[in-house]
């Protein structure tokens, strides 16, 4: 991959995570950037370095964007390694998180109790008790972000949180039936 290709991918993913109307998957990572705008940038070096050294550049960018690292010079390998490790053991991570959550009723976890409060499962993620990947899987299965998002009028945190969950969803690959059974097992009272 050349530095300009690395820049185009960065730009498409940055738009994907920051803009509600742009979907990088739908538009096949196409944007309106051109070589001229790339060569005017002072941070070309970082794209050249990443293009040369990074084998999994898309995930490198995605994992940094979901950690709210937006500028190329601030991106680092720690965010990449953290989320790569989670993805490599996704089933185990999800089972662990379901065991953390199973002290609550499933419906209570996914429901916003009032218009100024996000669902309990989101608060558990914000408290670092579960991973973002678990939140994304739960949303993929239940669609709670859209359902509860209509009820929540809080405008400071919820819009960014809901965007992060929905925009990260295409990058979290899992076996739907397997994870449904893990959920059923975790929330079924023996």
Protein backbone atom coordinates (compact mmCIF):
# COMPACT_ATOMS: atom_id res chain seq x y z
CA UNK A 1 0.00 0.00 0.00
CA UNK A 2 1.32 3.44 -0.82
CA UNK A 3 1.00 6.50 1.48
CA UNK A 4 -1.81 8.05 -0.57
CA UNK A 5 -3.85 4.81 -0.33
CA UNK A 6 -3.26 4.83 3.44
CA UNK A 7 -4.50 8.43 3.53
CA UNK A 8 -7.62 7.61 1.49
CA UNK A 9 -8.49 4.72 3.83
CA UNK A 10 -7.89 6.95 6.87
CA UNK A 11 -10.12 9.66 5.43
CA UNK A 12 -12.95 7.22 4.59
CA UNK A 13 -12.89 5.67 8.07
CA UNK A 14 -12.64 9.05 9.77
CA UNK A 15 -15.74 10.18 7.87
CA UNK A 16 -17.46 6.89 8.70
CA UNK A 17 -17.00 7.31 12.45
CA UNK A 18 -17.64 11.07 12.59
CA UNK A 19 -20.47 11.57 10.10
CA UNK A 20 -23.93 10.00 10.42
CA UNK A 21 -24.63 10.21 6.69
CA UNK A 22 -21.42 8.58 5.40
CA UNK A 23 -21.10 4.79 5.45
CA UNK A 24 -17.65 3.62 4.38
CA UNK A 25 -18.87 0.07 3.73
CA UNK A 26 -21.76 1.23 1.54
CA UNK A 27 -19.55 3.59 -0.47
CA UNK A 28 -16.68 1.09 -0.67
CA UNK A 29 -14.34 3.46 1.21
CA UNK A 30 -14.53 6.09 -1.54
CA UNK A 31 -14.17 9.78 -0.71
CA UNK A 32 -13.41 12.94 -2.62
CA UNK A 33 -9.78 13.26 -1.48
CA UNK A 34 -7.16 13.77 -4.14
CA UNK A 35 -3.39 13.49 -4.34
CA UNK A 36 -2.99 17.26 -4.33
CA UNK A 37 -4.67 17.59 -0.92
CA UNK A 38 -2.54 14.72 0.39
CA UNK A 39 0.74 16.31 -0.71
CA UNK A 40 -0.21 19.60 0.99
CA UNK A 41 -0.53 17.87 4.37
CA UNK A 42 2.26 18.26 6.90
CA UNK A 43 1.60 14.79 8.31
CA UNK A 44 2.35 12.81 5.12
CA UNK A 45 5.19 11.10 6.95
CA UNK A 46 2.80 9.24 9.27
CA UNK A 47 0.84 7.81 6.35
CA UNK A 48 4.07 6.73 4.65
CA UNK A 49 5.27 5.06 7.83
CA UNK A 50 1.97 3.23 8.36
CA UNK A 51 1.69 2.20 4.71
CA UNK A 52 5.14 0.66 4.90
CA UNK A 53 4.90 -1.05 8.30
CA UNK A 54 1.28 -1.82 9.11
CA UNK A 55 -0.16 -5.02 7.64
CA UNK A 56 -3.70 -4.62 9.00
CA UNK A 57 -4.17 -0.91 8.36
CA UNK A 58 -7.98 -0.89 8.31
CA UNK A 59 -8.24 -2.40 11.78
CA UNK A 60 -5.40 -0.16 12.99
CA UNK A 61 -7.46 2.89 12.02
CA UNK A 62 -10.79 1.45 13.24
CA UNK A 63 -9.42 0.48 16.64
CA UNK A 64 -7.92 3.94 17.13
CA UNK A 65 -11.10 5.73 16.00
CA UNK A 66 -13.26 3.79 18.45
CA UNK A 67 -10.87 4.86 21.20
CA UNK A 68 -11.55 8.46 20.09
CA UNK A 69 -8.08 8.99 18.64
CA UNK A 70 -8.80 11.05 15.54
CA UNK A 71 -5.46 12.51 14.45
CA UNK A 72 -3.03 10.25 12.60
CA UNK A 73 0.00 11.35 14.64
CA UNK A 74 -1.77 10.42 17.90
CA UNK A 75 -2.67 6.88 16.81
CA UNK A 76 -0.72 4.12 18.46
CA UNK A 77 -0.25 0.38 18.58
CA UNK A 78 -1.70 0.01 22.08
CA UNK A 79 -5.28 0.60 20.90
CA UNK A 80 -4.72 -1.77 18.01
CA UNK A 81 -3.29 -4.53 20.22
CA UNK A 82 -6.06 -4.12 22.82
CA UNK A 83 -8.91 -4.55 20.34
CA UNK A 84 -7.09 -7.16 18.23
CA UNK A 85 -6.80 -9.27 21.37
CA UNK A 86 -10.53 -8.84 22.07
CA UNK A 87 -11.42 -9.82 18.48
CA UNK A 88 -9.17 -12.89 18.62
CA UNK A 89 -10.99 -14.11 21.75
CA UNK A 90 -14.39 -12.60 21.00
CA UNK A 91 -16.46 -15.57 22.13
CA UNK A 92 -14.63 -15.82 25.44
CA UNK A 93 -14.84 -12.06 25.97
CA UNK A 94 -18.56 -12.06 25.22
CA UNK A 95 -19.20 -14.98 27.61
CA UNK A 96 -17.25 -13.19 30.35
CA UNK A 97 -19.21 -9.98 29.78
CA UNK A 98 -22.54 -11.83 29.77
CA UNK A 99 -21.57 -13.39 33.11
CA UNK A 100 -20.84 -9.89 34.41
CA UNK A 101 -24.25 -8.66 33.24
CA UNK A 102 -26.39 -11.65 34.22
CA UNK A 103 -27.05 -10.35 37.72
CA UNK A 104 -29.52 -7.94 36.07
CA UNK A 105 -32.64 -8.73 34.09
CA UNK A 106 -31.99 -8.71 30.35
CA UNK A 107 -34.78 -6.18 29.73
CA UNK A 108 -33.49 -3.85 32.45
CA UNK A 109 -30.03 -3.85 30.87
CA UNK A 110 -31.27 -2.68 27.48
CA UNK A 111 -33.92 -0.19 28.57
CA UNK A 112 -33.44 3.50 29.32
CA UNK A 113 -35.17 4.17 32.64
CA UNK A 114 -35.70 7.85 31.90
CA UNK A 115 -35.19 10.29 29.04
CA UNK A 116 -31.90 11.64 30.41
CA UNK A 117 -30.17 8.33 31.02
CA UNK A 118 -28.65 5.74 28.73
CA UNK A 119 -29.44 2.03 29.18
CA UNK A 120 -27.68 0.18 32.02
CA UNK A 121 -25.61 -1.91 29.60
CA UNK A 122 -24.11 1.30 28.15
CA UNK A 123 -23.29 2.56 31.63
CA UNK A 124 -21.56 -0.78 32.37
CA UNK A 125 -19.41 -0.23 29.28
CA UNK A 126 -18.63 3.34 30.36
CA UNK A 127 -17.52 1.92 33.73
CA UNK A 128 -15.21 -0.53 31.88
CA UNK A 129 -17.09 -3.55 33.18
CA UNK A 130 -17.79 -4.84 29.66
CA UNK A 131 -16.21 -4.28 26.25
CA UNK A 132 -17.49 -2.14 23.39
CA UNK A 133 -17.56 -5.29 21.26
CA UNK A 134 -20.12 -6.86 23.62
CA UNK A 135 -22.22 -3.72 23.37
CA UNK A 136 -22.05 -3.90 19.57
CA UNK A 137 -23.04 -7.58 19.54
CA UNK A 138 -25.97 -6.92 21.88
CA UNK A 139 -27.11 -4.11 19.61
CA UNK A 140 -26.75 -6.33 16.53
CA UNK A 141 -28.98 -8.92 18.16
CA UNK A 142 -31.57 -6.66 19.80
CA UNK A 143 -31.38 -3.25 18.09
CA UNK A 144 -31.60 -1.53 21.48
CA UNK A 145 -29.67 1.56 20.36
CA UNK A 146 -32.35 2.61 17.87
CA UNK A 147 -35.23 1.52 20.10
CA UNK A 148 -34.00 3.33 23.19
CA UNK A 149 -32.45 6.19 21.24
CA UNK A 150 -35.92 7.42 20.31
CA UNK A 151 -36.74 7.79 24.02
CA UNK A 152 -33.52 9.47 25.15
CA UNK A 153 -33.47 13.25 24.90
CA UNK A 154 -30.02 13.70 26.48
CA UNK A 155 -27.82 15.41 23.86
CA UNK A 156 -24.33 15.45 25.35
CA UNK A 157 -23.20 11.81 25.55
CA UNK A 158 -25.88 9.67 23.90
CA UNK A 159 -25.48 10.87 20.27
CA UNK A 160 -21.75 10.07 20.27
CA UNK A 161 -22.20 6.75 22.08
CA UNK A 162 -24.98 5.57 19.78
CA UNK A 163 -22.96 6.61 16.69
CA UNK A 164 -19.90 4.75 17.95
CA UNK A 165 -21.91 1.56 18.54
CA UNK A 166 -23.70 1.62 15.19
CA UNK A 167 -20.66 2.67 13.15
CA UNK A 168 -18.43 0.00 14.74
CA UNK A 169 -21.01 -2.74 14.10
CA UNK A 170 -19.82 -3.73 10.57
CA UNK A 171 -16.30 -4.31 11.89
CA UNK A 172 -17.31 -6.78 14.62
CA UNK A 173 -17.75 -10.17 12.95
CA UNK A 174 -19.51 -12.92 14.89
CA UNK A 175 -21.69 -15.99 14.45
CA UNK A 176 -25.22 -14.75 15.19
CA UNK A 177 -26.70 -18.11 16.26
CA UNK A 178 -23.76 -18.96 18.50
CA UNK A 179 -23.96 -15.63 20.33
CA UNK A 180 -27.76 -15.89 20.72
CA UNK A 181 -27.21 -19.25 22.46
CA UNK A 182 -24.54 -17.72 24.72
CA UNK A 183 -27.03 -14.98 25.66
CA UNK A 184 -29.80 -17.48 26.35
CA UNK A 185 -27.47 -19.61 28.45
CA UNK A 186 -26.21 -16.58 30.38
CA UNK A 187 -29.62 -15.13 31.15
CA UNK A 188 -31.62 -18.32 31.72
CA UNK A 189 -32.34 -19.03 35.35
CA UNK A 190 -31.52 -22.69 36.15
